[in-house]
Protein backbone atom coordinates (compact mmCIF):
# COMPACT_ATOMS: atom_id res chain seq x y z
CA PRO A 1 -3.05 24.26 -1.34
CA PRO A 2 -0.27 26.06 0.81
CA PHE A 3 0.71 24.47 3.98
CA GLU A 4 2.29 26.30 6.93
CA VAL A 5 5.37 25.13 8.70
CA SER A 6 7.46 26.55 11.48
CA ILE A 7 11.26 25.93 11.14
CA ALA A 8 12.62 26.80 14.70
CA ARG A 9 16.29 25.25 14.20
CA SER A 10 19.05 26.82 12.43
CA LEU A 11 19.74 26.07 8.96
CA ALA A 12 22.65 26.54 6.55
CA VAL A 13 21.96 26.00 2.90
CA GLY A 14 24.83 25.29 0.09
CA ARG A 15 25.07 28.54 -1.76
CA TYR A 16 25.67 26.29 -5.05
CA GLU A 17 24.58 22.93 -6.24
CA ILE A 18 27.30 20.40 -5.87
CA ALA A 19 29.66 20.38 -8.73
CA ARG A 20 31.25 17.60 -10.63
CA ARG A 21 34.60 18.24 -9.12
CA GLN A 22 33.09 18.04 -5.56
CA PHE A 23 31.27 14.61 -6.39
CA ALA A 24 34.38 13.33 -7.94
CA ALA A 25 36.41 13.82 -4.74
CA PHE A 26 33.84 11.66 -3.10
CA GLY A 27 33.99 9.05 -5.99
CA ASN A 28 37.86 9.02 -5.95
CA ALA A 29 38.00 8.66 -2.03
CA THR A 30 35.21 5.85 -1.90
CA GLY A 31 35.37 3.99 -5.23
CA HIS A 32 31.71 4.82 -5.25
CA ALA A 33 30.16 2.89 -8.20
CA ALA A 34 28.17 4.68 -10.92
CA ARG A 35 25.39 3.07 -12.59
CA GLY A 36 23.60 4.39 -15.70
CA CYS A 37 21.38 7.43 -16.41
CA TYR A 38 18.02 8.36 -17.57
CA ARG A 39 18.04 10.98 -20.63
CA TRP A 40 15.18 13.02 -21.81
CA SER A 41 14.55 12.22 -25.51
CA GLY A 42 12.10 15.11 -25.90
CA ALA A 43 9.16 12.87 -25.32
CA GLU A 44 10.00 10.33 -22.55
CA TRP A 45 12.79 9.17 -20.12
CA VAL A 46 15.19 6.49 -21.68
CA TYR A 47 17.72 4.43 -19.53
CA GLU A 48 21.25 4.21 -21.02
CA ALA A 49 23.41 1.85 -19.10
CA SER A 50 26.62 3.31 -20.76
CA LEU A 51 26.05 6.83 -19.00
CA ASP A 52 26.77 8.08 -15.71
CA TRP A 53 27.83 11.05 -13.75
CA ARG A 54 31.20 11.21 -15.28
CA ASP A 55 29.95 10.84 -18.81
CA PRO A 56 26.30 12.05 -18.71
CA GLY A 57 26.04 11.88 -22.62
CA PHE A 58 26.96 15.57 -23.07
CA SER A 59 30.24 17.58 -22.17
CA GLN A 60 30.62 19.10 -18.73
CA GLY A 61 33.02 21.18 -16.76
CA ASP A 62 34.21 20.53 -13.43
CA GLU A 63 32.09 23.57 -12.33
CA GLU A 64 28.81 22.39 -13.59
CA PRO A 65 26.43 20.69 -11.31
CA VAL A 66 26.81 16.95 -11.07
CA VAL A 67 23.82 15.05 -12.77
CA CYS A 68 23.21 11.19 -13.26
CA VAL A 69 23.33 10.82 -9.70
CA ALA A 70 20.44 8.46 -7.97
CA TRP A 71 19.10 9.51 -4.71
CA ALA A 72 20.95 6.74 -2.75
CA ASP A 73 24.16 8.49 -4.36
CA ALA A 74 23.10 11.80 -3.04
CA ALA A 75 22.62 10.25 0.26
CA ALA A 76 25.87 8.49 0.13
CA TYR A 77 27.66 11.62 -0.77
CA VAL A 78 26.39 13.62 2.28
CA ARG A 79 27.17 10.65 4.62
CA TRP A 80 30.79 11.01 3.14
CA LEU A 81 30.92 14.81 3.45
CA SER A 82 29.63 14.63 7.09
CA ALA A 83 32.48 12.06 8.01
CA THR A 84 35.25 13.87 6.07
CA THR A 85 34.36 17.40 7.64
CA GLY A 86 32.94 16.51 10.90
CA GLN A 87 30.02 18.67 10.07
CA PRO A 88 26.31 17.32 9.89
CA TYR A 89 25.68 17.72 6.18
CA ARG A 90 22.31 16.28 4.73
CA LEU A 91 19.83 16.91 2.00
CA LEU A 92 17.36 19.57 2.71
CA SER A 93 13.66 18.81 3.40
CA GLU A 94 11.06 19.82 1.02
CA ALA A 95 9.95 22.56 3.40
CA GLU A 96 13.48 23.84 4.07
CA TRP A 97 14.08 23.84 0.39
CA GLU A 98 11.11 25.95 -0.47
CA TYR A 99 12.02 28.23 2.54
CA ALA A 100 15.49 28.75 1.15
CA ALA A 101 14.47 29.07 -2.44
CA ARG A 102 11.67 31.81 -1.78
CA ALA A 103 14.02 33.74 0.35
CA GLY A 104 11.40 35.86 1.97
CA THR A 105 9.22 36.21 -1.25
CA THR A 106 5.66 35.57 -1.72
CA THR A 107 5.88 35.76 -5.61
CA SER A 108 5.87 32.39 -7.72
CA ARG A 109 9.57 32.83 -8.40
CA TYR A 110 12.27 34.49 -6.27
CA TRP A 111 12.64 37.29 -9.00
CA GLY A 112 8.84 38.05 -9.45
CA ASP A 113 5.73 36.33 -11.06
CA SER A 114 6.97 36.63 -14.49
CA ALA A 115 8.45 33.61 -16.21
CA ASP A 116 9.75 35.75 -19.01
CA ALA A 117 12.69 37.04 -16.78
CA GLY A 118 13.85 33.33 -16.43
CA CYS A 119 16.83 33.53 -18.63
CA ASP A 120 18.39 36.03 -16.22
CA TYR A 121 17.81 33.96 -13.23
CA ALA A 122 17.67 30.53 -14.09
CA ASN A 123 19.14 27.96 -16.77
CA LEU A 124 15.85 26.52 -18.26
CA GLY A 125 14.34 25.26 -21.55
CA ASP A 126 14.98 27.94 -24.22
CA ARG A 127 16.27 28.88 -27.57
CA SER A 128 19.73 27.39 -26.59
CA MET A 129 18.25 24.06 -25.80
CA ARG A 130 16.33 24.14 -29.02
CA ASP A 131 19.18 24.92 -31.22
CA ALA A 132 21.31 22.02 -29.81
CA LEU A 133 18.58 19.38 -29.03
CA GLY A 134 15.90 20.06 -31.54
CA PHE A 135 12.90 20.47 -29.02
CA GLY A 136 11.36 23.42 -27.56
CA PRO A 137 12.08 26.39 -27.21
CA PHE A 138 9.96 26.84 -24.20
CA ALA A 139 11.12 30.30 -23.39
CA ASP A 140 11.77 32.69 -26.12
CA CYS A 141 15.05 33.96 -24.95
CA SER A 142 18.61 32.27 -24.72
CA ASP A 143 20.58 31.76 -21.60
CA GLY A 144 23.42 30.73 -23.47
CA TYR A 145 23.47 27.04 -22.51
CA ALA A 146 21.72 24.08 -24.00
CA ARG A 147 22.18 21.91 -20.92
CA THR A 148 23.85 22.41 -17.46
CA ALA A 149 25.52 25.58 -16.86
CA PRO A 150 28.48 26.26 -14.37
CA VAL A 151 27.14 26.68 -10.88
CA GLY A 152 26.55 30.32 -9.82
CA ARG A 153 26.22 31.72 -13.47
CA PHE A 154 22.91 33.25 -12.92
CA LEU A 155 21.56 35.89 -10.57
CA PRO A 156 21.02 34.53 -6.78
CA ASN A 157 18.07 34.91 -4.65
CA ALA A 158 17.71 37.42 -1.70
CA PHE A 159 19.63 34.80 0.43
CA GLY A 160 22.52 34.80 -1.74
CA LEU A 161 21.71 31.18 -3.05
CA TYR A 162 22.27 30.40 -6.69
CA ASP A 163 20.43 28.05 -9.11
CA MET A 164 17.70 27.42 -6.59
CA LEU A 165 15.50 27.45 -9.90
CA GLY A 166 16.79 25.95 -12.96
CA ASN A 167 19.95 24.14 -13.90
CA VAL A 168 19.15 21.08 -12.18
CA TRP A 169 16.37 19.42 -10.18
CA GLU A 170 17.75 18.88 -6.58
CA TRP A 171 16.88 15.70 -4.55
CA THR A 172 15.32 16.36 -1.20
CA ALA A 173 15.20 14.04 1.91
CA ASP A 174 11.27 13.60 1.45
CA CYS A 175 9.41 10.69 0.13
CA TRP A 176 6.96 11.86 -2.44
CA ARG A 177 3.28 12.31 -1.46
CA GLU A 178 0.54 13.82 -3.45
CA GLY A 179 -0.49 16.63 -1.03
CA TYR A 180 0.71 18.24 2.33
CA SER A 181 -2.11 16.55 4.68
CA GLY A 182 -0.17 15.09 7.50
CA ALA A 183 3.27 16.67 6.66
CA PRO A 184 5.39 17.37 9.58
CA ALA A 185 4.59 20.95 10.99
CA ASP A 186 8.16 21.71 11.78
CA GLY A 187 9.55 21.38 8.38
CA THR A 188 11.53 18.18 8.81
CA ALA A 189 11.62 15.61 6.16
CA TRP A 190 8.50 13.49 5.50
CA THR A 191 9.67 9.91 5.08
CA SER A 192 8.41 6.35 5.60
CA GLU A 193 10.96 4.13 4.20
CA PRO A 194 11.05 2.41 1.79
CA CYS A 195 10.24 5.37 -0.59
CA ALA A 196 8.89 4.25 -3.96
CA ARG A 197 9.35 7.93 -5.28
CA ARG A 198 11.38 10.96 -4.00
CA THR A 199 10.48 14.72 -4.17
CA ASN A 200 12.58 16.98 -6.23
CA ARG A 201 12.61 20.81 -6.26
CA GLY A 202 13.94 23.63 -8.38
CA ALA A 203 13.23 22.28 -11.99
CA GLY A 204 16.11 21.89 -14.49
CA TRP A 205 17.84 22.92 -17.68
CA ASN A 206 15.14 21.31 -19.84
CA SER A 207 12.23 22.62 -18.04
CA HIS A 208 9.29 24.76 -19.22
CA PRO A 209 9.32 28.22 -17.74
CA ARG A 210 5.81 27.59 -16.21
CA ASP A 211 7.51 24.85 -14.12
CA VAL A 212 10.39 26.96 -12.91
CA ARG A 213 8.43 27.95 -9.58
CA SER A 214 9.38 28.09 -6.05
CA SER A 215 6.44 25.97 -5.28
CA ASN A 216 6.81 23.50 -8.03
CA ARG A 217 7.15 19.71 -6.97
CA GLY A 218 8.61 16.81 -8.95
CA SER A 219 7.84 13.19 -8.39
CA TYR A 220 10.71 11.10 -9.31
CA ALA A 221 11.78 7.48 -9.03
CA PRO A 222 14.95 7.40 -6.96
CA VAL A 223 17.24 6.56 -9.96
CA PRO A 224 19.80 8.72 -11.78
CA TYR A 225 18.62 11.35 -14.41
CA GLU A 226 20.68 13.73 -16.51
CA SER A 227 18.83 16.72 -15.04
CA VAL A 228 18.85 15.92 -11.27
CA GLY A 229 21.72 16.90 -9.03
CA ILE A 230 22.53 17.75 -5.32
CA ARG A 231 22.48 20.58 -2.98
CA VAL A 232 23.47 20.09 0.66
CA ALA A 233 22.44 21.67 3.83
CA ARG A 234 23.41 21.36 7.63
């Protein structure tokens, strides 16, 4: 059920998902190790030790969102970004993420309630994915991208934020819980370390349109996946 929060603090949200070139700057500066990745076979997640964010098993350009990053990698990135810039960068809380994604709307998606318009606003599971990978299509349209798309290629929401739905799932700061009972009413992250699972938001390039919704929540082990990336806030 819906859970009301009140976010009284100021919030700046990254306009785009973190691109490969941005994460590469972190990797080059720190020597941060990469370690394997889970890819979706069409039926289950399969771990491949040979894959990482530099080679997720498919071709990516520098402006495409970084994937194959574990939650700890995302946390390390925002710590480095904060130290480098002097700004308090961090991952969004789950509540902050939904506020930013909805951008003042009450519909299931920031473009309305229809999933059919998804290919204009989001990179999701569609004919492009089916033709390349052999499963789907979930949406009877083609957004032109079988997997990830360069950040900012689709229409933004009313806050000017791109890819809040689709392209890649985004790690939040929250531990996963089934419901909102006991969640912080001020919209801060709900944590109780260690977290066995983390909450992801936004859905990804291989998601069914019905799952590409502002309220949809993902429960993921904090390991690297080919369809999970990063967005920052401060």
